[in-house]
Protein backbone atom coordinates (compact mmCIF):
# COMPACT_ATOMS: atom_id res chain seq x y z
CA MET A 1 -0.20 0.18 -0.27
CA LYS A 2 2.76 2.78 1.26
CA HIS A 3 4.36 1.47 -2.75
CA TYR A 4 1.43 2.10 -4.36
CA VAL A 5 0.61 5.69 -2.46
CA LEU A 6 4.61 6.51 -2.78
CA ILE A 7 3.52 6.03 -6.91
CA LEU A 8 0.87 8.34 -7.43
CA PHE A 9 2.69 10.93 -5.40
CA LEU A 10 5.46 10.95 -7.39
CA ILE A 11 3.21 10.50 -10.75
CA SER A 12 1.09 13.31 -9.19
CA ALA A 13 4.40 15.38 -8.46
CA SER A 14 5.81 14.77 -12.00
CA CYS A 15 2.58 16.22 -13.88
CA PHE A 16 1.93 19.72 -12.05
CA ALA A 17 5.87 20.21 -11.47
CA GLN A 18 6.61 22.96 -14.02
CA ASN A 19 9.18 23.24 -16.67
CA PRO A 20 11.45 26.45 -16.36
CA THR A 21 11.44 29.55 -18.11
CA ILE A 22 13.76 31.45 -19.54
CA TYR A 23 12.52 35.12 -19.87
CA THR A 24 14.78 37.31 -21.52
CA ILE A 25 14.53 41.63 -21.01
CA GLY A 26 16.28 44.28 -22.82
CA ASP A 27 16.05 46.02 -26.29
CA SER A 28 15.87 45.71 -29.92
CA THR A 29 19.00 43.91 -30.45
CA MET A 30 17.06 40.56 -28.39
CA ALA A 31 13.42 41.53 -29.28
CA ASN A 32 10.86 39.82 -31.75
CA LYS A 33 9.89 41.46 -34.81
CA LYS A 34 6.75 41.78 -36.41
CA ASP A 35 6.64 39.90 -39.91
CA PRO A 36 9.31 37.83 -39.71
CA GLU A 37 8.98 35.76 -42.82
CA ARG A 38 9.57 38.95 -44.69
CA ASN A 39 10.80 41.25 -41.95
CA PRO A 40 15.01 40.70 -42.32
CA GLU A 41 15.53 42.43 -38.86
CA HIS A 42 15.35 40.06 -35.92
CA GLY A 43 16.47 40.10 -32.24
CA TRP A 44 19.08 37.52 -31.13
CA ALA A 45 16.55 36.49 -28.05
CA GLN A 46 14.23 35.46 -30.94
CA VAL A 47 16.44 32.95 -32.04
CA LEU A 48 17.27 31.64 -28.93
CA GLY A 49 14.34 29.31 -28.36
CA SER A 50 15.31 27.22 -31.57
CA PHE A 51 19.03 25.75 -29.41
CA PHE A 52 16.54 23.88 -26.78
CA LYS A 53 14.38 21.01 -26.19
CA GLU A 54 11.26 21.70 -25.41
CA ASN A 55 11.15 21.10 -21.55
CA ILE A 56 11.93 24.72 -21.14
CA THR A 57 9.60 27.66 -22.29
CA LEU A 58 11.38 30.95 -23.69
CA GLU A 59 9.56 34.41 -23.43
CA ASN A 60 10.91 37.01 -24.75
CA LYS A 61 9.72 40.00 -23.49
CA ALA A 62 12.62 42.36 -24.74
CA VAL A 63 11.12 45.35 -26.09
CA ASN A 64 12.79 47.96 -28.87
CA GLY A 65 13.75 51.45 -27.93
CA ARG A 66 13.47 50.37 -23.83
CA SER A 67 16.37 50.90 -21.22
CA THR A 68 16.02 49.63 -17.82
CA LYS A 69 14.47 53.02 -16.88
CA SER A 70 11.42 52.88 -19.06
CA PHE A 71 11.47 49.07 -18.67
CA ILE A 72 10.95 49.80 -15.34
CA ASN A 73 8.57 52.23 -15.44
CA GLU A 74 6.47 51.20 -17.95
CA LYS A 75 5.90 48.02 -15.79
CA ARG A 76 7.13 45.45 -17.95
CA TRP A 77 9.28 44.34 -15.20
CA ASP A 78 6.64 44.17 -12.57
CA SER A 79 4.92 42.29 -14.64
CA ILE A 80 7.88 39.30 -15.11
CA TYR A 81 8.55 39.54 -11.11
CA LYS A 82 4.66 38.37 -10.51
CA LYS A 83 5.51 35.37 -12.95
CA LEU A 84 8.37 34.38 -11.84
CA LYS A 85 8.85 30.71 -10.14
CA LYS A 86 11.76 28.33 -8.63
CA GLY A 87 13.60 27.36 -11.31
CA ASP A 88 13.43 30.33 -13.94
CA TYR A 89 16.16 32.53 -14.97
CA VAL A 90 16.47 35.61 -16.58
CA PHE A 91 18.78 37.23 -19.20
CA ILE A 92 19.04 41.15 -18.85
CA GLU A 93 20.92 42.49 -21.49
CA PHE A 94 20.19 46.70 -21.92
CA GLY A 95 22.65 49.68 -22.65
CA HIS A 96 21.75 50.38 -25.90
CA ASN A 97 19.43 53.18 -24.66
CA ASP A 98 20.44 53.85 -21.55
CA GLU A 99 22.83 55.80 -23.23
CA LYS A 100 20.42 57.93 -24.50
CA ILE A 101 20.80 61.19 -22.74
CA GLU A 102 18.99 63.67 -24.98
CA ASP A 103 15.60 61.75 -23.53
CA SER A 104 15.00 61.63 -20.22
CA THR A 105 12.91 59.04 -20.23
CA ARG A 106 15.77 56.66 -20.74
CA TYR A 107 18.55 57.76 -20.04
CA THR A 108 20.37 56.54 -16.92
CA ASN A 109 23.96 57.44 -15.67
CA PRO A 110 25.42 53.79 -16.03
CA HIS A 111 27.13 54.30 -12.50
CA THR A 112 24.25 55.56 -10.39
CA ALA A 113 20.67 54.58 -11.99
CA TYR A 114 22.17 52.09 -14.62
CA ARG A 115 23.75 50.25 -11.70
CA TYR A 116 20.68 50.04 -9.60
CA ASN A 117 18.53 49.23 -12.26
CA LEU A 118 20.84 45.78 -12.82
CA ILE A 119 20.86 45.08 -8.93
CA ARG A 120 17.03 45.64 -9.25
CA PHE A 121 16.58 43.17 -11.39
CA VAL A 122 19.26 40.91 -10.09
CA LYS A 123 17.52 40.68 -6.43
CA GLU A 124 13.96 40.30 -7.28
CA THR A 125 15.44 37.72 -9.57
CA ARG A 126 16.80 36.03 -6.90
CA ALA A 127 14.14 36.58 -4.12
CA LYS A 128 11.84 34.48 -6.53
CA GLY A 129 14.26 31.47 -6.30
CA ALA A 130 15.25 32.28 -9.83
CA THR A 131 18.80 32.50 -11.81
CA PRO A 132 19.54 36.15 -13.22
CA ILE A 133 22.23 36.49 -16.32
CA LEU A 134 23.69 39.80 -16.64
CA LEU A 135 24.91 40.45 -20.73
CA SER A 136 26.79 43.37 -21.92
CA SER A 137 25.59 45.35 -24.78
CA ILE A 138 26.18 43.54 -28.20
CA ALA A 139 28.69 45.94 -30.11
CA ARG A 140 27.80 48.13 -33.06
CA ARG A 141 29.31 47.74 -36.42
CA ASN A 142 31.37 51.18 -35.98
CA PHE A 143 34.58 50.69 -38.22
CA ASN A 144 36.47 54.28 -38.58
CA GLU A 145 38.17 54.63 -42.04
CA LYS A 146 41.15 52.53 -40.87
CA GLY A 147 38.76 49.70 -40.53
CA VAL A 148 39.02 49.93 -37.11
CA LEU A 149 35.84 48.87 -34.61
CA VAL A 150 35.31 51.37 -32.27
CA PRO A 151 33.20 51.04 -29.49
CA THR A 152 29.93 52.89 -28.62
CA HIS A 153 28.70 52.05 -24.93
CA GLY A 154 31.23 53.60 -22.81
CA ASP A 155 31.05 52.39 -19.52
CA TYR A 156 27.71 50.63 -19.17
CA PRO A 157 29.09 47.27 -20.26
CA LEU A 158 31.51 48.05 -17.49
CA GLU A 159 29.56 49.14 -14.81
CA THR A 160 27.22 45.39 -15.93
CA ARG A 161 30.66 43.48 -15.50
CA LEU A 162 31.45 44.71 -11.78
CA VAL A 163 27.30 44.36 -10.83
CA ALA A 164 28.09 40.49 -11.88
CA GLN A 165 31.16 40.40 -9.73
CA GLU A 166 29.96 42.26 -6.89
CA TYR A 167 26.83 39.78 -6.63
CA LYS A 168 28.52 37.08 -8.16
CA VAL A 169 25.93 36.59 -11.02
CA ALA A 170 26.92 34.45 -14.31
CA PHE A 171 27.65 37.57 -16.58
CA ILE A 172 28.20 36.92 -20.60
CA ASP A 173 30.48 39.78 -22.41
CA LEU A 174 28.59 39.84 -25.42
CA GLU A 175 30.30 43.09 -26.24
CA TYR A 176 33.54 41.36 -26.06
CA PHE A 177 32.23 38.72 -28.01
CA THR A 178 29.86 40.54 -30.79
CA GLU A 179 33.38 42.43 -30.96
CA LEU A 180 35.24 39.61 -32.21
CA LEU A 181 32.38 38.46 -34.53
CA GLU A 182 32.49 41.89 -36.32
CA GLU A 183 36.22 42.10 -36.74
CA SER A 184 36.40 38.41 -38.29
CA TYR A 185 33.62 39.34 -40.96
CA GLY A 186 35.57 42.87 -41.66
CA PRO A 187 34.54 46.28 -42.44
CA GLU A 188 32.66 45.40 -45.45
CA LYS A 189 31.38 41.84 -45.15
CA SER A 190 29.77 41.95 -41.15
CA LYS A 191 27.06 44.08 -42.92
CA GLN A 192 25.80 40.53 -43.51
CA LEU A 193 25.36 41.09 -39.66
CA HIS A 194 22.96 44.24 -39.94
CA LEU A 195 20.59 45.25 -42.16
CA HIS A 196 22.19 46.74 -45.04
CA PHE A 197 20.00 46.93 -48.22
CA LYS A 198 20.10 49.19 -51.11
CA ALA A 199 16.17 50.33 -52.43
CA GLY A 200 14.85 48.23 -53.96
CA GLU A 201 17.03 44.80 -53.07
CA ASN A 202 14.64 43.74 -50.17
CA SER A 203 10.49 44.19 -50.61
CA TYR A 204 10.78 45.31 -46.85
CA TYR A 205 12.42 48.31 -47.08
CA GLU A 206 10.88 50.59 -49.99
CA LYS A 207 14.69 52.87 -49.74
CA ASP A 208 18.08 52.05 -48.81
CA LYS A 209 18.48 50.74 -45.64
CA ALA A 210 21.88 51.35 -43.86
CA ASP A 211 21.54 50.20 -40.46
CA ASP A 212 24.66 48.79 -38.19
CA THR A 213 23.01 48.59 -34.71
CA HIS A 214 20.02 45.77 -35.66
CA LEU A 215 20.64 42.66 -36.70
CA SER A 216 19.91 40.52 -39.84
CA LEU A 217 18.80 36.62 -39.31
CA LYS A 218 22.48 35.71 -40.31
CA GLY A 219 23.62 38.12 -37.08
CA ALA A 220 20.60 37.16 -34.35
CA THR A 221 21.47 33.61 -34.95
CA ALA A 222 25.22 33.93 -34.65
CA ILE A 223 24.90 36.00 -31.63
CA ALA A 224 22.83 33.12 -29.93
CA GLN A 225 25.16 30.45 -30.80
CA ILE A 226 27.81 32.58 -28.66
CA VAL A 227 25.51 32.96 -26.27
CA ILE A 228 24.54 28.89 -26.34
CA ASN A 229 28.65 28.69 -26.03
CA GLN A 230 28.65 30.88 -23.27
CA ILE A 231 26.08 28.98 -21.02
CA LYS A 232 27.83 25.93 -21.59
CA LEU A 233 30.89 27.21 -19.87
CA LEU A 234 28.52 28.15 -16.69
CA GLU A 235 28.34 25.08 -15.23
CA ASP A 236 23.97 25.82 -14.58
CA PRO A 237 21.86 23.04 -15.58
CA LEU A 238 20.53 25.13 -18.09
CA PHE A 239 23.29 23.20 -19.72
CA GLU A 240 21.25 20.05 -20.13
CA ARG A 241 18.46 21.71 -21.76
CA LEU A 242 20.40 22.17 -24.92
CA LYS A 243 18.97 19.99 -27.54
CA LYS A 244 21.71 17.64 -28.39
CA GLY A 245 23.87 18.09 -31.24
CA ILE A 246 24.17 21.79 -30.32
CA LYS A 247 27.37 23.50 -31.32
């Protein structure tokens, strides 16, 4: 009888056990794009789910144009916090819009508001028994006339790293790895990672398009692969959720 009850308990527990969810929060470099069949632009978190097994859910909550400040003020973080459960993950990548000093609704000083917003994400994620992962901003394709890739993010990536160190949070240095990616393609071929089209070359754009921040499907997939490669090094159970054969 005891064995029968135990079996029933295990079956019941397994039925009600919830698979973990990965929440990705950030800006347009991560966000899902409308009309993905036609739209050449993709966020890297938009394609991240294809690397995982079906026993994990990916909720891409990144939104175009958001900074840590506007993401919080628009209650987007609150809506995620309410749903977070033990075993979930939150991937956090902001910076592109926190830099916009001309916009009071988005700008944050990297050493004060930006830092404390990251700390809030970390602490509140952990309070729910979930795991935060901090990522620095992806590099822009910003080559000078001599072919040198020039950084554009100031102290934001550094502050992200410092918060990760201080609070012992897993950190993926996407700025560094995407710099390497851009440089490996070079000044001209790296356009393939972004959105460079002549008028009429792509039906989605009526006019010339030259965007060195946002990503093509090729660029988004390459960056998602970088994130997966770093997850493998974290010694975290999340590694076990990856599909077999993923490089």
